[in-house]
Amino acid sequence: MPKVLISDKLSPAAVEIFRARGVEVDVKTGLSAADLRAIIGEYDGLAIRSATKVTKEVLETATNLKVVGRAGIGVDNVDIKSATARGVVVMNTPNGNAITTAEHAIAMMFALARQIPEASASTKAGKWEKNRFMGVELTGKVLGVIGCGNIGSIVADRAIGLKMRVVAYDPYLTDKRARDIGVEKIELADLIARADIITLHTPLTDQTRNIISRDALARAKKGVRIINCARGGLVDEAALAEALKSGHVAGAALDVFEVEPAKESPLFALENVVCTPHLGASTTEAQENVALQIAEQMSDFLLTGAVSNAINMPSVSAEDAPRLKPYMELCRSLGAFAGQLTTAQHSAIKAVTIEYEGAAAGLNTKPLTAAALAGLMGPMMEGANMVNAPVLAHDRGIEVSETIHDRPSEYQTLVRISVVTDTQTRGVAGTLFAGSRPRIVEIKGIPVEADFARHMLYVTNQDKPGFIGRFGAVLSEAGINIATFHLGRAEAGGDAICLVSIDEEPSEEVLKAVRALPLVVQAAPLSF
């Protein structure tokens, strides 16, 4: 039974989902970093919100950890690079609080336009300063949306309903998508110059840090209003404070800050600033949604292999997971076959091509390629899996490519892996027998039909009489039983392949004896 730790406060319904799905769960909130490191090795999964910091040091002690689930969007508190290197899936719930966060941005926009917080405080203090709080209408104003993904597009939709004109900057926003949601797609510099109100809905990256900089504020329209309900660090807070004091920026509303919890800021003393303590996702509905979603996603992954909303590996839906499983096993086994032979020859891999034909060509090939790379990198790197194998290949300068053939195949489905090394190109192809059992059908262009077995011997030799008898005699003298014996050759008297399933792993002495046989070119043990 998989075991999950919930280390931040989540809805009790999440606990019930884990247990109902057959996942053991412990709830231990408020753990110190040292406390978390002391116990995390017991768990297969870790469910968090924003309080728990999943650092490199935590991951190093998480020897059984397979998945970190963030109930919410931001994963700033997870060391993604270290998690990926250790083969840990990191997933979030990008849609669970989208509406809530978008509504908070709209609420901040209204509060800013009509000075609602200041007017409320004044009235409660016994004043009646009707003439002091002169607001502005939103109708007809230009709203600049920086980041038009899930949340940004909802904000744009609500703003259009308020009869605002919406312009958007997002490098990933297509012209068609912009037309569909009714926004004008423009460049960042144009947005900053044209917008009456700017709202931020982008993740914090090296490219977006301080996207609202001192220079950007100087180029903005006088009287602009700034809203940030996305991530702290998108706005240069010191520069914003100066622009507010000078009157160039009419007002700002921030739900997120460079340092949180935000105990002090140059913005706090300014009347034309609205501040909230990171409340974007703080509604009953959103908290329930993200908790339920992350519990379902983590349970699916731990129990069926389905991957949803992963940050560091391809997604596999719960519906597709059972169908993809035999194909993933085929790809992993083919990759392991090629990887073990390459390692045996001490060759450096330069490039890998994975080809898909027949039924395999119509599938989601991203997880299949990840499985193939996991098999390939496994003999070279302990702990290689579908999460970290693509990164391991990239870090070693291995060029990886996919080819999907839209053509009839000799087999109902076919996957071929070609590995280019310093000395040769080696290809191995396989299919699924009876729709579920991986089978080798080709090695180095030579037809060879064989099932994968726990222990195998791969031998290349010259096709001459007497070889099979001498080879069998070596195994017999060593007391090794042959389970299956598969042969293939390019042409009579030419290169031949012998692939033998045996009952036990061959010793080094047996391998030396096989390699010493006349006509043998190569002999290598394989394990699956």
Protein backbone atom coordinates (compact mmCIF):
# COMPACT_ATOMS: atom_id res chain seq x y z
CA MET A 1 0.00 0.00 0.00
CA PRO A 2 1.51 3.37 -0.99
CA LYS A 3 2.06 5.80 1.85
CA VAL A 4 1.56 9.58 1.65
CA LEU A 5 2.48 12.38 4.06
CA ILE A 6 0.35 15.54 4.16
CA SER A 7 2.65 18.18 5.67
CA ASP A 8 0.49 21.30 5.17
CA LYS A 9 -3.12 22.00 6.05
CA LEU A 10 -5.47 20.42 3.50
CA SER A 11 -9.18 19.76 3.50
CA PRO A 12 -10.10 16.61 5.47
CA ALA A 13 -11.80 15.43 2.29
CA ALA A 14 -8.35 14.89 0.77
CA VAL A 15 -7.50 12.43 3.53
CA GLU A 16 -10.70 10.53 2.86
CA ILE A 17 -9.92 10.33 -0.87
CA PHE A 18 -6.48 8.86 -0.22
CA ARG A 19 -7.89 6.26 2.18
CA ALA A 20 -10.85 5.40 -0.05
CA ARG A 21 -8.45 4.81 -2.95
CA GLY A 22 -6.28 2.48 -0.88
CA VAL A 23 -3.44 4.86 -0.01
CA GLU A 24 -2.16 5.04 3.56
CA VAL A 25 -1.94 8.66 4.72
CA ASP A 26 -0.44 10.54 7.67
CA VAL A 27 -1.17 14.19 8.46
CA LYS A 28 1.74 15.97 10.18
CA THR A 29 1.67 19.72 9.72
CA GLY A 30 4.06 22.38 11.01
CA LEU A 31 7.13 20.17 10.70
CA SER A 32 10.54 21.79 10.87
CA ALA A 33 12.98 21.08 8.05
CA ALA A 34 14.87 18.70 10.31
CA ASP A 35 11.69 16.89 11.36
CA LEU A 36 10.64 16.49 7.72
CA ARG A 37 14.04 15.10 6.73
CA ALA A 38 13.87 12.62 9.61
CA ILE A 39 10.62 10.99 8.46
CA ILE A 40 10.26 11.61 4.72
CA GLY A 41 12.13 8.40 3.86
CA GLU A 42 9.06 6.42 4.96
CA TYR A 43 6.77 7.90 2.30
CA ASP A 44 6.01 7.37 -1.38
CA GLY A 45 4.21 10.69 -1.73
CA LEU A 46 4.28 14.16 -0.15
CA ALA A 47 1.25 16.47 -0.36
CA ILE A 48 1.95 20.14 0.35
CA ARG A 49 0.70 23.67 -0.03
CA SER A 50 3.07 26.66 0.21
CA ALA A 51 4.45 26.26 3.75
CA THR A 52 6.54 23.11 3.30
CA LYS A 53 9.88 23.68 1.57
CA VAL A 54 10.91 20.65 -0.48
CA THR A 55 14.61 21.39 -0.70
CA LYS A 56 17.54 19.44 -2.12
CA GLU A 57 18.38 18.35 1.44
CA VAL A 58 14.86 17.02 2.01
CA LEU A 59 14.90 15.15 -1.30
CA GLU A 60 18.26 13.55 -0.50
CA THR A 61 16.68 11.83 2.51
CA ALA A 62 13.46 10.93 0.66
CA THR A 63 14.71 7.53 -0.45
CA ASN A 64 11.26 6.14 -1.32
CA LEU A 65 9.62 9.34 -2.56
CA LYS A 66 7.97 9.08 -5.97
CA VAL A 67 5.72 12.13 -6.13
CA VAL A 68 5.32 15.60 -4.61
CA GLY A 69 1.84 17.05 -5.01
CA ARG A 70 1.33 20.81 -4.62
CA ALA A 71 -2.28 21.73 -3.85
CA GLY A 72 -2.22 24.97 -5.81
CA ILE A 73 -0.37 26.49 -8.74
CA GLY A 74 2.98 27.81 -7.55
CA VAL A 75 5.83 25.35 -7.01
CA ASP A 76 8.41 27.93 -5.90
CA ASN A 77 8.80 25.97 -2.65
CA VAL A 78 9.93 22.80 -4.47
CA ASP A 79 13.44 22.30 -5.84
CA ILE A 80 12.29 21.06 -9.25
CA LYS A 81 15.81 20.41 -10.54
CA SER A 82 16.73 18.22 -7.57
CA ALA A 83 13.37 16.40 -7.67
CA THR A 84 13.83 15.64 -11.36
CA ALA A 85 17.39 14.44 -10.85
CA ARG A 86 16.14 12.01 -8.20
CA GLY A 87 13.26 10.84 -10.40
CA VAL A 88 10.50 12.39 -8.28
CA VAL A 89 7.40 13.59 -10.11
CA VAL A 90 6.27 17.09 -9.14
CA MET A 91 2.64 17.91 -9.89
CA ASN A 92 0.35 20.83 -9.12
CA THR A 93 -3.30 21.80 -9.58
CA PRO A 94 -3.22 24.70 -12.05
CA ASN A 95 -6.98 24.92 -12.54
CA GLY A 96 -8.23 24.34 -9.00
CA ASN A 97 -8.00 27.97 -7.88
CA ALA A 98 -8.03 29.76 -11.24
CA ILE A 99 -11.49 31.28 -10.81
CA THR A 100 -10.83 32.27 -7.22
CA THR A 101 -7.56 34.03 -8.06
CA ALA A 102 -9.08 35.74 -11.08
CA GLU A 103 -12.00 36.99 -8.99
CA HIS A 104 -9.58 38.34 -6.39
CA ALA A 105 -7.79 40.32 -9.10
CA ILE A 106 -11.11 41.80 -10.24
CA ALA A 107 -12.01 42.61 -6.62
CA MET A 108 -8.64 44.35 -6.17
CA MET A 109 -9.29 46.34 -9.33
CA PHE A 110 -12.64 47.58 -8.00
CA ALA A 111 -11.14 48.33 -4.58
CA LEU A 112 -8.37 50.33 -6.22
CA ALA A 113 -10.62 52.21 -8.63
CA ARG A 114 -13.08 53.28 -5.92
CA GLN A 115 -10.65 53.48 -2.95
CA ILE A 116 -12.90 51.14 -0.99
CA PRO A 117 -10.47 50.16 1.82
CA GLU A 118 -9.58 53.79 2.66
CA ALA A 119 -13.20 54.92 2.42
CA SER A 120 -14.29 52.08 4.71
CA ALA A 121 -11.63 52.90 7.32
CA SER A 122 -12.52 56.61 7.19
CA THR A 123 -16.23 55.99 7.60
CA LYS A 124 -15.69 53.57 10.50
CA ALA A 125 -13.57 56.25 12.17
CA GLY A 126 -16.63 58.51 12.32
CA LYS A 127 -15.70 60.66 9.33
CA TRP A 128 -17.86 61.40 6.35
CA GLU A 129 -15.34 62.35 3.67
CA LYS A 130 -17.49 62.02 0.60
CA ASN A 131 -15.48 64.49 -1.44
CA ARG A 132 -12.13 62.95 -0.53
CA PHE A 133 -12.64 59.62 -2.24
CA MET A 134 -13.08 60.44 -5.91
CA GLY A 135 -12.82 57.20 -7.88
CA VAL A 136 -12.67 56.25 -11.56
CA GLU A 137 -14.96 54.09 -13.69
CA LEU A 138 -13.69 50.85 -15.15
CA THR A 139 -15.96 50.99 -18.20
CA GLY A 140 -13.97 51.97 -21.26
CA LYS A 141 -10.61 51.68 -19.55
CA VAL A 142 -7.77 49.71 -21.14
CA LEU A 143 -6.81 46.68 -19.06
CA GLY A 144 -3.37 45.25 -19.79
CA VAL A 145 -3.11 41.56 -18.91
CA ILE A 146 0.45 40.26 -18.61
CA GLY A 147 0.18 36.48 -18.80
CA CYS A 148 -2.96 35.19 -20.49
CA GLY A 149 -3.09 31.57 -19.38
CA ASN A 150 -5.79 29.98 -17.21
CA ILE A 151 -6.14 32.85 -14.74
CA GLY A 152 -5.31 35.70 -17.07
CA SER A 153 -7.92 34.60 -19.60
CA ILE A 154 -10.60 34.45 -16.89
CA VAL A 155 -9.67 37.97 -15.77
CA ALA A 156 -9.89 39.11 -19.39
CA ASP A 157 -13.33 37.52 -19.75
CA ARG A 158 -14.64 39.24 -16.62
CA ALA A 159 -13.12 42.56 -17.71
CA ILE A 160 -14.76 42.35 -21.13
CA GLY A 161 -18.04 41.82 -19.31
CA LEU A 162 -17.34 45.11 -17.51
CA LYS A 163 -17.01 46.81 -20.94
CA MET A 164 -13.27 47.28 -20.58
CA ARG A 165 -10.92 47.08 -23.54
CA VAL A 166 -8.42 44.25 -22.92
CA VAL A 167 -4.92 44.03 -24.36
CA ALA A 168 -2.68 41.08 -23.52
CA TYR A 169 0.97 40.15 -23.61
CA ASP A 170 1.93 36.49 -23.43
CA PRO A 171 4.69 34.84 -25.52
CA TYR A 172 2.60 31.65 -25.68
CA LEU A 173 -0.68 33.31 -26.66
CA THR A 174 -1.56 32.44 -30.25
CA ASP A 175 -3.41 34.81 -32.55
CA LYS A 176 -6.34 32.38 -32.72
CA ARG A 177 -6.57 32.05 -28.93
CA ALA A 178 -6.47 35.84 -28.58
CA ARG A 179 -9.36 36.17 -31.03
CA ASP A 180 -11.33 33.42 -29.30
CA ILE A 181 -11.15 35.13 -25.87
CA GLY A 182 -11.67 38.61 -27.30
CA VAL A 183 -8.37 40.28 -26.42
CA GLU A 184 -5.88 42.25 -28.49
CA LYS A 185 -2.49 40.56 -28.50
CA ILE A 186 0.34 43.12 -28.29
CA GLU A 187 3.98 43.37 -27.24
CA LEU A 188 4.93 44.13 -23.64
CA ALA A 189 6.25 47.63 -24.36
CA ASP A 190 2.98 48.57 -26.12
CA LEU A 191 0.90 47.17 -23.26
CA ILE A 192 2.80 49.17 -20.65
CA ALA A 193 2.39 52.37 -22.70
CA ARG A 194 -1.34 51.92 -23.43
CA ALA A 195 -2.88 50.36 -20.31
CA ASP A 196 -4.85 52.31 -17.72
CA ILE A 197 -4.66 49.28 -15.42
CA ILE A 198 -2.04 46.51 -15.56
CA THR A 199 -2.69 43.12 -13.98
CA LEU A 200 -0.08 40.36 -13.70
CA HIS A 201 -0.83 36.67 -14.17
CA THR A 202 2.50 35.04 -15.01
CA PRO A 203 4.79 32.67 -13.12
CA LEU A 204 7.99 33.96 -11.56
CA THR A 205 10.97 33.02 -13.74
CA ASP A 206 14.30 34.58 -14.60
CA GLN A 207 12.56 36.18 -17.58
CA THR A 208 9.61 37.60 -15.61
CA ARG A 209 11.36 38.73 -12.43
CA ASN A 210 10.79 42.50 -12.05
CA ILE A 211 8.85 42.56 -15.31
CA ILE A 212 7.31 45.73 -13.84
CA SER A 213 10.65 47.43 -13.36
CA ARG A 214 11.65 51.02 -12.66
CA ASP A 215 12.07 51.54 -16.41
CA ALA A 216 8.69 49.95 -17.19
CA LEU A 217 6.96 52.19 -14.64
CA ALA A 218 8.60 55.26 -16.15
CA ARG A 219 7.26 54.29 -19.57
CA ALA A 220 3.75 53.59 -18.28
CA LYS A 221 0.87 56.01 -18.77
CA LYS A 222 0.61 58.65 -16.00
CA GLY A 223 -2.12 57.59 -13.61
CA VAL A 224 -1.72 53.87 -14.30
CA ARG A 225 -2.83 51.39 -11.66
CA ILE A 226 -0.90 48.14 -10.97
CA ILE A 227 -2.39 44.86 -9.71
CA ASN A 228 -0.36 41.78 -8.76
CA CYS A 229 -2.18 38.67 -7.61
CA ALA A 230 0.32 36.28 -9.23
CA ARG A 231 3.77 35.95 -7.66
CA GLY A 232 5.95 38.18 -5.52
CA GLY A 233 9.00 39.44 -7.39
CA LEU A 234 7.19 40.33 -10.60
CA VAL A 235 7.10 43.98 -9.46
CA ASP A 236 10.06 46.04 -8.26
CA GLU A 237 8.42 47.11 -4.99
CA ALA A 238 10.91 49.89 -4.19
CA ALA A 239 10.47 51.43 -7.65
CA LEU A 240 6.70 51.09 -7.36
CA ALA A 241 6.72 52.91 -4.01
CA GLU A 242 8.64 55.81 -5.56
CA ALA A 243 6.27 55.98 -8.54
CA LEU A 244 3.28 56.01 -6.20
CA LYS A 245 4.76 58.82 -4.09
CA SER A 246 5.47 60.91 -7.19
CA GLY A 247 1.92 60.44 -8.46
CA HIS A 248 3.02 58.84 -11.73
CA VAL A 249 1.28 55.63 -10.61
CA ALA A 250 -2.21 56.37 -9.24
CA GLY A 251 -2.52 53.24 -7.16
CA ALA A 252 -1.46 49.64 -6.65
CA ALA A 253 -3.07 46.51 -5.28
CA LEU A 254 -0.86 43.61 -4.23
CA ASP A 255 -1.75 40.20 -2.90
CA VAL A 256 1.82 38.86 -3.18
CA PHE A 257 5.19 40.23 -2.13
CA GLU A 258 8.91 39.71 -2.73
CA VAL A 259 9.28 38.38 0.82
CA GLU A 260 6.45 36.53 2.51
CA PRO A 261 5.09 36.74 5.11
CA ALA A 262 5.40 40.46 4.34
CA LYS A 263 5.87 42.11 7.73
CA GLU A 264 7.18 45.41 6.41
CA SER A 265 7.27 47.16 3.05
CA PRO A 266 7.68 50.71 1.74
CA LEU A 267 4.23 50.25 0.23
CA PHE A 268 2.39 49.74 3.53
CA ALA A 269 2.52 53.42 4.54
CA LEU A 270 0.93 54.64 1.30
CA GLU A 271 -2.79 55.35 1.19
CA ASN A 272 -3.12 54.59 -2.52
CA VAL A 273 -2.04 50.97 -2.01
CA VAL A 274 -4.33 48.00 -1.26
CA CYS A 275 -2.60 44.98 0.31
CA THR A 276 -3.88 41.51 1.14
CA PRO A 277 -1.94 38.56 2.64
CA HIS A 278 -1.74 36.22 -0.38
CA LEU A 279 -5.47 35.55 -0.47
CA GLY A 280 -5.76 34.72 -4.17
CA ALA A 281 -6.67 31.10 -3.54
CA SER A 282 -8.32 31.65 -0.17
CA THR A 283 -11.92 30.70 -0.73
CA THR A 284 -13.74 27.71 0.65
CA GLU A 285 -14.39 26.41 -2.85
CA ALA A 286 -10.78 26.76 -4.02
CA GLN A 287 -9.27 25.13 -0.93
CA GLU A 288 -11.63 22.21 -1.32
CA ASN A 289 -10.98 21.94 -5.07
CA VAL A 290 -7.18 21.90 -4.94
CA ALA A 291 -7.11 19.47 -2.01
CA LEU A 292 -9.44 17.03 -3.76
CA GLN A 293 -7.59 17.38 -7.06
CA ILE A 294 -4.14 16.73 -5.63
CA ALA A 295 -5.39 13.72 -3.66
CA GLU A 296 -6.92 12.25 -6.83
CA GLN A 297 -3.83 13.01 -8.94
CA MET A 298 -1.39 11.52 -6.43
CA SER A 299 -3.57 8.44 -5.90
CA ASP A 300 -3.85 7.89 -9.66
CA PHE A 301 -0.10 8.11 -10.04
CA LEU A 302 0.79 5.84 -7.11
CA LEU A 303 -1.83 3.23 -7.96
CA THR A 304 -2.07 3.25 -11.78
CA GLY A 305 0.87 5.29 -13.08
CA ALA A 306 -1.38 8.06 -14.43
CA VAL A 307 0.35 11.46 -14.46
CA SER A 308 -1.69 14.68 -14.39
CA ASN A 309 -0.43 18.27 -14.30
CA ALA A 310 3.18 17.20 -13.83
CA ILE A 311 5.82 19.90 -13.93
CA ASN A 312 8.71 17.63 -14.88
CA MET A 313 7.37 14.77 -17.03
CA PRO A 314 4.74 14.11 -19.73
CA SER A 315 1.15 13.67 -18.58
CA VAL A 316 -0.61 10.32 -18.85
CA SER A 317 -4.34 10.36 -18.17
CA ALA A 318 -5.96 7.78 -15.92
CA GLU A 319 -7.84 6.50 -18.97
CA ASP A 320 -4.68 6.18 -21.07
CA ALA A 321 -2.45 4.69 -18.36
CA PRO A 322 -3.68 1.06 -18.68
CA ARG A 323 -3.54 1.24 -22.48
CA LEU A 324 -0.05 2.79 -22.52
CA LYS A 325 1.40 0.48 -19.86
CA PRO A 326 2.37 -2.43 -22.18
CA TYR A 327 3.79 0.00 -24.75
CA MET A 328 5.82 1.72 -22.04
CA GLU A 329 7.14 -1.66 -20.91
CA LEU A 330 8.07 -2.48 -24.52
CA CYS A 331 9.92 0.83 -24.90
CA ARG A 332 11.68 0.43 -21.56
CA SER A 333 12.81 -3.10 -22.43
CA LEU A 334 14.04 -2.09 -25.90
CA GLY A 335 15.92 0.83 -24.35
CA ALA A 336 17.45 -1.48 -21.74
CA PHE A 337 18.51 -3.90 -24.50
CA ALA A 338 20.34 -1.14 -26.39
CA GLY A 339 21.73 0.40 -23.22
CA GLN A 340 23.23 -2.84 -21.92
CA LEU A 341 24.94 -3.62 -25.22
CA THR A 342 26.30 -0.08 -25.45
CA THR A 343 27.62 -0.25 -21.89
CA ALA A 344 29.20 -3.64 -22.57
CA GLN A 345 31.20 -2.08 -25.42
CA HIS A 346 32.11 0.98 -23.33
CA SER A 347 30.83 3.23 -26.10
CA ALA A 348 29.63 6.82 -25.67
CA ILE A 349 26.10 7.44 -26.93
CA LYS A 350 25.84 10.43 -29.26
CA ALA A 351 22.23 10.22 -30.44
CA VAL A 352 19.04 8.20 -30.01
CA THR A 353 16.09 7.94 -32.38
CA ILE A 354 12.81 6.29 -31.38
CA GLU A 355 10.50 5.37 -34.26
CA TYR A 356 6.82 4.48 -33.91
CA GLU A 357 4.76 2.58 -36.47
CA GLY A 358 1.30 1.07 -36.60
CA ALA A 359 -0.80 1.35 -33.43
CA ALA A 360 2.09 2.90 -31.50
CA ALA A 361 2.15 5.86 -33.92
CA GLY A 362 -1.34 6.87 -32.83
CA LEU A 363 -0.51 7.05 -29.11
CA ASN A 364 0.80 9.79 -26.84
CA THR A 365 4.47 9.08 -27.57
CA LYS A 366 6.02 11.46 -25.03
CA PRO A 367 5.73 9.02 -22.10
CA LEU A 368 6.81 6.17 -24.39
CA THR A 369 9.99 8.05 -25.31
CA ALA A 370 10.61 8.80 -21.63
CA ALA A 371 10.25 5.08 -20.88
CA ALA A 372 12.68 4.19 -23.68
CA LEU A 373 15.24 6.67 -22.35
CA ALA A 374 14.78 5.30 -18.82
CA GLY A 375 15.64 1.82 -20.10
CA LEU A 376 18.57 3.14 -22.12
CA MET A 377 20.08 5.21 -19.31
CA GLY A 378 19.45 2.59 -16.61
CA PRO A 379 22.61 0.51 -17.24
CA MET A 380 24.71 3.69 -17.12
CA MET A 381 23.04 5.59 -14.28
CA GLU A 382 21.60 4.04 -11.13
CA GLY A 383 18.12 5.40 -10.37
CA ALA A 384 17.28 6.41 -13.95
CA ASN A 385 13.53 6.53 -14.51
CA MET A 386 10.95 8.22 -16.71
CA VAL A 387 11.26 11.50 -14.80
CA ASN A 388 15.01 12.02 -14.87
CA ALA A 389 16.10 10.02 -17.95
CA PRO A 390 15.39 12.83 -20.47
CA VAL A 391 17.41 15.22 -18.30
CA LEU A 392 20.23 12.69 -17.89
CA ALA A 393 20.38 12.27 -21.67
CA HIS A 394 20.38 16.03 -22.22
CA ASP A 395 23.09 16.61 -19.64
CA ARG A 396 25.30 14.09 -21.43
CA GLY A 397 24.84 15.74 -24.79
CA ILE A 398 22.76 12.89 -26.23
CA GLU A 399 20.55 14.09 -29.08
CA VAL A 400 17.07 12.53 -28.77
CA SER A 401 14.55 12.50 -31.61
CA GLU A 402 11.17 10.90 -32.30
CA THR A 403 9.88 9.74 -35.67
CA ILE A 404 6.23 8.83 -36.13
CA HIS A 405 5.57 6.90 -39.33
CA ASP A 406 2.17 7.21 -40.96
CA ARG A 407 2.55 4.03 -42.98
CA PRO A 408 1.49 0.40 -42.81
CA SER A 409 3.69 -1.76 -40.63
CA GLU A 410 4.53 -5.43 -40.97
CA TYR A 411 3.38 -5.68 -37.36
CA GLN A 412 0.23 -4.34 -35.75
CA THR A 413 2.51 -2.09 -33.73
CA LEU A 414 6.25 -1.49 -33.94
CA VAL A 415 8.80 0.51 -31.96
CA ARG A 416 12.39 0.84 -33.11
CA ILE A 417 15.24 2.36 -31.09
CA SER A 418 18.42 3.34 -32.91
CA VAL A 419 21.49 4.28 -30.87
CA VAL A 420 24.41 6.12 -32.46
CA THR A 421 27.77 5.74 -30.69
CA ASP A 422 31.33 6.71 -31.53
CA THR A 423 31.81 3.44 -33.39
CA GLN A 424 28.45 2.29 -34.80
CA THR A 425 24.69 2.62 -35.07
CA ARG A 426 22.75 -0.17 -33.38
CA GLY A 427 19.00 -0.63 -33.84
CA VAL A 428 16.56 -2.87 -32.01
CA ALA A 429 12.84 -3.16 -32.75
CA GLY A 430 9.95 -4.75 -30.94
CA THR A 431 6.22 -5.31 -30.93
CA LEU A 432 3.50 -6.45 -28.55
CA PHE A 433 2.49 -10.09 -28.81
CA ALA A 434 -1.21 -10.65 -28.06
CA GLY A 435 -1.46 -6.91 -27.39
CA SER A 436 0.39 -6.99 -24.09
CA ARG A 437 3.62 -9.02 -24.16
CA PRO A 438 6.76 -7.21 -25.36
CA ARG A 439 8.72 -9.10 -28.00
CA ILE A 440 11.95 -8.40 -29.90
CA VAL A 441 11.51 -8.68 -33.68
CA GLU A 442 14.67 -7.12 -35.09
CA ILE A 443 18.28 -6.52 -34.01
CA LYS A 444 20.66 -4.50 -36.21
CA GLY A 445 18.33 -5.00 -39.17
CA ILE A 446 18.30 -8.79 -38.70
CA PRO A 447 14.90 -10.43 -38.01
CA VAL A 448 14.96 -12.18 -34.62
CA GLU A 449 11.76 -13.08 -32.77
CA ALA A 450 12.20 -13.47 -29.00
CA ASP A 451 10.43 -12.66 -25.76
CA PHE A 452 12.32 -10.71 -23.12
CA ALA A 453 13.51 -12.89 -20.22
CA ARG A 454 15.05 -12.26 -16.80
CA HIS A 455 18.47 -13.54 -17.92
CA MET A 456 19.65 -13.62 -21.54
CA LEU A 457 22.85 -14.00 -23.53
CA TYR A 458 23.35 -11.97 -26.69
CA VAL A 459 25.95 -13.32 -29.09
CA THR A 460 27.00 -12.09 -32.52
CA ASN A 461 28.94 -14.52 -34.64
CA GLN A 462 29.86 -15.56 -38.15
CA ASP A 463 27.27 -17.87 -39.68
CA LYS A 464 29.31 -21.07 -40.04
CA PRO A 465 28.49 -24.72 -39.27
CA GLY A 466 29.33 -26.02 -35.81
CA PHE A 467 28.88 -22.83 -33.84
CA ILE A 468 25.56 -23.69 -32.19
CA GLY A 469 26.83 -27.07 -30.96
CA ARG A 470 29.98 -25.61 -29.44
CA PHE A 471 28.02 -22.76 -27.86
CA GLY A 472 25.47 -25.16 -26.34
CA ALA A 473 28.26 -27.33 -25.00
CA VAL A 474 29.84 -24.42 -23.13
CA LEU A 475 26.55 -23.66 -21.39
CA SER A 476 25.94 -27.35 -20.68
CA GLU A 477 29.36 -27.81 -19.10
CA ALA A 478 28.68 -24.77 -16.90
CA GLY A 479 25.37 -26.30 -15.77
CA ILE A 480 23.32 -23.48 -17.33
CA ASN A 481 19.92 -24.51 -18.64
CA ILE A 482 18.64 -22.96 -21.88
CA ALA A 483 15.01 -21.85 -21.77
CA THR A 484 14.68 -20.53 -25.35
CA PHE A 485 17.11 -20.22 -28.27
CA HIS A 486 16.57 -17.66 -31.03
CA LEU A 487 18.66 -17.22 -34.17
CA GLY A 488 18.83 -14.71 -36.98
CA ARG A 489 21.21 -13.87 -39.80
CA ALA A 490 21.66 -11.22 -42.45
CA GLU A 491 22.56 -13.78 -45.14
CA ALA A 492 23.96 -17.29 -45.43
CA GLY A 493 27.53 -17.32 -44.18
CA GLY A 494 27.36 -13.68 -43.06
CA ASP A 495 26.69 -11.96 -39.74
CA ALA A 496 24.43 -13.89 -37.36
CA ILE A 497 22.78 -13.24 -34.01
CA CYS A 498 22.05 -15.68 -31.23
CA LEU A 499 19.73 -14.61 -28.40
CA VAL A 500 19.37 -17.16 -25.62
CA SER A 501 17.14 -17.13 -22.53
CA ILE A 502 18.83 -18.88 -19.63
CA ASP A 503 17.77 -19.81 -16.12
CA GLU A 504 20.53 -17.96 -14.29
CA GLU A 505 22.94 -15.10 -14.71
CA PRO A 506 26.13 -16.28 -16.47
CA SER A 507 29.38 -15.98 -14.55
CA GLU A 508 32.39 -14.12 -15.90
CA GLU A 509 34.08 -17.48 -16.51
CA VAL A 510 31.19 -18.61 -18.72
CA LEU A 511 31.29 -15.36 -20.65
CA LYS A 512 35.03 -15.73 -21.22
CA ALA A 513 34.48 -19.27 -22.50
CA VAL A 514 31.76 -18.12 -24.93
CA ARG A 515 33.86 -15.22 -26.18
CA ALA A 516 36.77 -17.58 -26.76
CA LEU A 517 34.73 -19.75 -29.13
CA PRO A 518 35.67 -19.65 -32.81
CA LEU A 519 33.41 -17.40 -34.91
CA VAL A 520 32.19 -15.34 -31.90
CA VAL A 521 32.38 -11.56 -32.45
CA GLN A 522 30.65 -10.38 -29.28
CA ALA A 523 28.98 -11.93 -26.23
CA ALA A 524 27.12 -9.89 -23.63
CA PRO A 525 24.79 -10.78 -20.75
CA LEU A 526 21.39 -9.06 -20.64
CA SER A 527 19.00 -8.66 -17.73
CA PHE A 528 15.35 -7.54 -17.84
